[in-house]
Amino acid sequence: MSIIKRFIAGAVCPRCGEMDCIRTFRDEEREYKECIRCDYEESMRLDGAPEIEELETRVNRENGPEIEEGAQPLLFTVNPSAGRKDH
């Protein structure tokens, strides 16, 4: 089976902002969009099932921030005189 890639007229690339450089094609499972100028790629499933992909955050990152031994958190308190207007 030959893959036919078609340009999307008027489409703007979300990465580089160029117009008329996005093309689309599909295989048996997915539909793909790609930019020919900046190598942006995007795909989605044809059956509409959601992609189960967890975003990387500081909580699920494998190598978290290094904490020095004996380090203590900073505690910020409200300055009681900050809201007063004594002149």
C-alpha atoms as a PDB file:
ATOM      1  CA  MET A   1       0.000   0.000   0.000  1.00  0.00           C
ATOM      2  CA  SER A   2       1.373   3.362  -1.034  1.00  0.00           C
ATOM      3  CA  ILE A   3       1.129   6.285   1.406  1.00  0.00           C
ATOM      4  CA  ILE A   4      -0.226   9.464  -0.172  1.00  0.00           C
ATOM      5  CA  LYS A   5       0.805  12.690   1.581  1.00  0.00           C
ATOM      6  CA  ARG A   6      -1.440  15.721   0.996  1.00  0.00           C
ATOM      7  CA  PHE A   7      -0.898  19.361   1.947  1.00  0.00           C
ATOM      8  CA  ILE A   8      -3.553  21.133   4.015  1.00  0.00           C
ATOM      9  CA  ALA A   9      -4.336  24.472   2.356  1.00  0.00           C
ATOM     10  CA  GLY A  10      -4.120  27.420   4.728  1.00  0.00           C
ATOM     11  CA  ALA A  11      -2.861  25.371   7.680  1.00  0.00           C
ATOM     12  CA  VAL A  12      -0.321  27.123   9.928  1.00  0.00           C
ATOM     13  CA  CYS A  13       2.384  25.147  11.713  1.00  0.00           C
ATOM     14  CA  PRO A  14       2.017  25.516  15.514  1.00  0.00           C
ATOM     15  CA  ARG A  15       5.791  25.421  15.986  1.00  0.00           C
ATOM     16  CA  CYS A  16       7.285  27.631  13.249  1.00  0.00           C
ATOM     17  CA  GLY A  17       4.166  29.620  12.249  1.00  0.00           C
ATOM     18  CA  GLU A  18       4.633  29.073   8.508  1.00  0.00           C
ATOM     19  CA  MET A  19       1.530  28.728   6.349  1.00  0.00           C
ATOM     20  CA  ASP A  20       0.942  25.987   3.752  1.00  0.00           C
ATOM     21  CA  CYS A  21       3.721  23.700   4.978  1.00  0.00           C
ATOM     22  CA  ILE A  22       1.609  21.093   6.843  1.00  0.00           C
ATOM     23  CA  ARG A  23       0.914  17.810   5.116  1.00  0.00           C
ATOM     24  CA  THR A  24      -1.181  14.874   6.282  1.00  0.00           C
ATOM     25  CA  PHE A  25      -1.197  11.139   5.669  1.00  0.00           C
ATOM     26  CA  ARG A  26      -2.536   8.019   7.367  1.00  0.00           C
ATOM     27  CA  ASP A  27      -1.831   4.348   7.832  1.00  0.00           C
ATOM     28  CA  GLU A  28      -4.083   1.580   9.166  1.00  0.00           C
ATOM     29  CA  GLU A  29      -4.066   2.903  12.762  1.00  0.00           C
ATOM     30  CA  ARG A  30      -3.153   6.604  12.809  1.00  0.00           C
ATOM     31  CA  GLU A  31      -3.453   9.914  10.981  1.00  0.00           C
ATOM     32  CA  TYR A  32      -0.281  12.012  10.885  1.00  0.00           C
ATOM     33  CA  LYS A  33       0.425  15.699  10.346  1.00  0.00           C
ATOM     34  CA  GLU A  34       3.921  17.030   9.742  1.00  0.00           C
ATOM     35  CA  CYS A  35       5.605  20.315   8.842  1.00  0.00           C
ATOM     36  CA  ILE A  36       8.068  20.208   5.973  1.00  0.00           C
ATOM     37  CA  ARG A  37       9.975  23.242   7.273  1.00  0.00           C
ATOM     38  CA  CYS A  38      10.598  22.561  10.965  1.00  0.00           C
ATOM     39  CA  ASP A  39      10.016  18.785  11.335  1.00  0.00           C
ATOM     40  CA  TYR A  40       6.957  19.262  13.608  1.00  0.00           C
ATOM     41  CA  GLU A  41       4.981  16.019  13.910  1.00  0.00           C
ATOM     42  CA  GLU A  42       1.585  15.159  15.372  1.00  0.00           C
ATOM     43  CA  SER A  43      -0.525  12.024  15.200  1.00  0.00           C
ATOM     44  CA  MET A  44      -3.858  10.721  16.430  1.00  0.00           C
ATOM     45  CA  ARG A  45      -5.580   7.392  16.442  1.00  0.00           C
ATOM     46  CA  LEU A  46      -8.235   6.776  13.794  1.00  0.00           C
ATOM     47  CA  ASP A  47     -10.521   4.893  16.194  1.00  0.00           C
ATOM     48  CA  GLY A  48     -10.818   7.935  18.481  1.00  0.00           C
ATOM     49  CA  ALA A  49      -9.375   6.158  21.527  1.00  0.00           C
ATOM     50  CA  PRO A  50      -7.502   8.559  23.790  1.00  0.00           C
ATOM     51  CA  GLU A  51      -3.737   8.504  23.938  1.00  0.00           C
ATOM     52  CA  ILE A  52      -2.614   7.415  27.364  1.00  0.00           C
ATOM     53  CA  GLU A  53       0.515   9.431  27.817  1.00  0.00           C
ATOM     54  CA  GLU A  54       1.433  10.981  31.133  1.00  0.00           C
ATOM     55  CA  LEU A  55       3.002  14.424  31.049  1.00  0.00           C
ATOM     56  CA  GLU A  56       6.392  14.699  32.705  1.00  0.00           C
ATOM     57  CA  THR A  57       6.188  16.651  35.937  1.00  0.00           C
ATOM     58  CA  ARG A  58       8.457  17.129  38.917  1.00  0.00           C
ATOM     59  CA  VAL A  59       6.522  14.389  40.704  1.00  0.00           C
ATOM     60  CA  ASN A  60       6.893  11.613  38.136  1.00  0.00           C
ATOM     61  CA  ARG A  61      10.350  12.537  36.847  1.00  0.00           C
ATOM     62  CA  GLU A  62      12.848   9.733  37.398  1.00  0.00           C
ATOM     63  CA  ASN A  63      15.712  11.953  38.490  1.00  0.00           C
ATOM     64  CA  GLY A  64      14.193  14.474  40.858  1.00  0.00           C
ATOM     65  CA  PRO A  65      16.012  17.497  42.208  1.00  0.00           C
ATOM     66  CA  GLU A  66      18.990  16.771  44.416  1.00  0.00           C
ATOM     67  CA  ILE A  67      18.413  17.755  48.040  1.00  0.00           C
ATOM     68  CA  GLU A  68      21.456  18.392  50.169  1.00  0.00           C
ATOM     69  CA  GLU A  69      21.731  16.485  53.403  1.00  0.00           C
ATOM     70  CA  GLY A  70      20.528  18.607  56.306  1.00  0.00           C
ATOM     71  CA  ALA A  71      18.690  21.084  54.068  1.00  0.00           C
ATOM     72  CA  GLN A  72      15.546  22.574  55.549  1.00  0.00           C
ATOM     73  CA  PRO A  73      12.615  24.239  53.787  1.00  0.00           C
ATOM     74  CA  LEU A  74      12.109  27.984  53.957  1.00  0.00           C
ATOM     75  CA  LEU A  75       9.035  29.139  55.844  1.00  0.00           C
ATOM     76  CA  PHE A  76       7.531  32.449  54.818  1.00  0.00           C
ATOM     77  CA  THR A  77       5.371  34.338  57.299  1.00  0.00           C
ATOM     78  CA  VAL A  78       3.160  37.370  56.840  1.00  0.00           C
ATOM     79  CA  ASN A  79       4.669  40.657  57.952  1.00  0.00           C
ATOM     80  CA  PRO A  80       2.052  42.061  60.376  1.00  0.00           C
ATOM     81  CA  SER A  81       2.996  45.672  59.643  1.00  0.00           C
ATOM     82  CA  ALA A  82       2.807  45.281  55.848  1.00  0.00           C
ATOM     83  CA  GLY A  83      -0.934  46.051  55.694  1.00  0.00           C
ATOM     84  CA  ARG A  84      -0.915  49.036  58.092  1.00  0.00           C
ATOM     85  CA  LYS A  85      -1.110  52.588  56.856  1.00  0.00           C
ATOM     86  CA  ASP A  86       0.566  54.527  59.656  1.00  0.00           C
ATOM     87  CA  HIS A  87       1.866  57.909  58.469  1.00  0.00           C
END
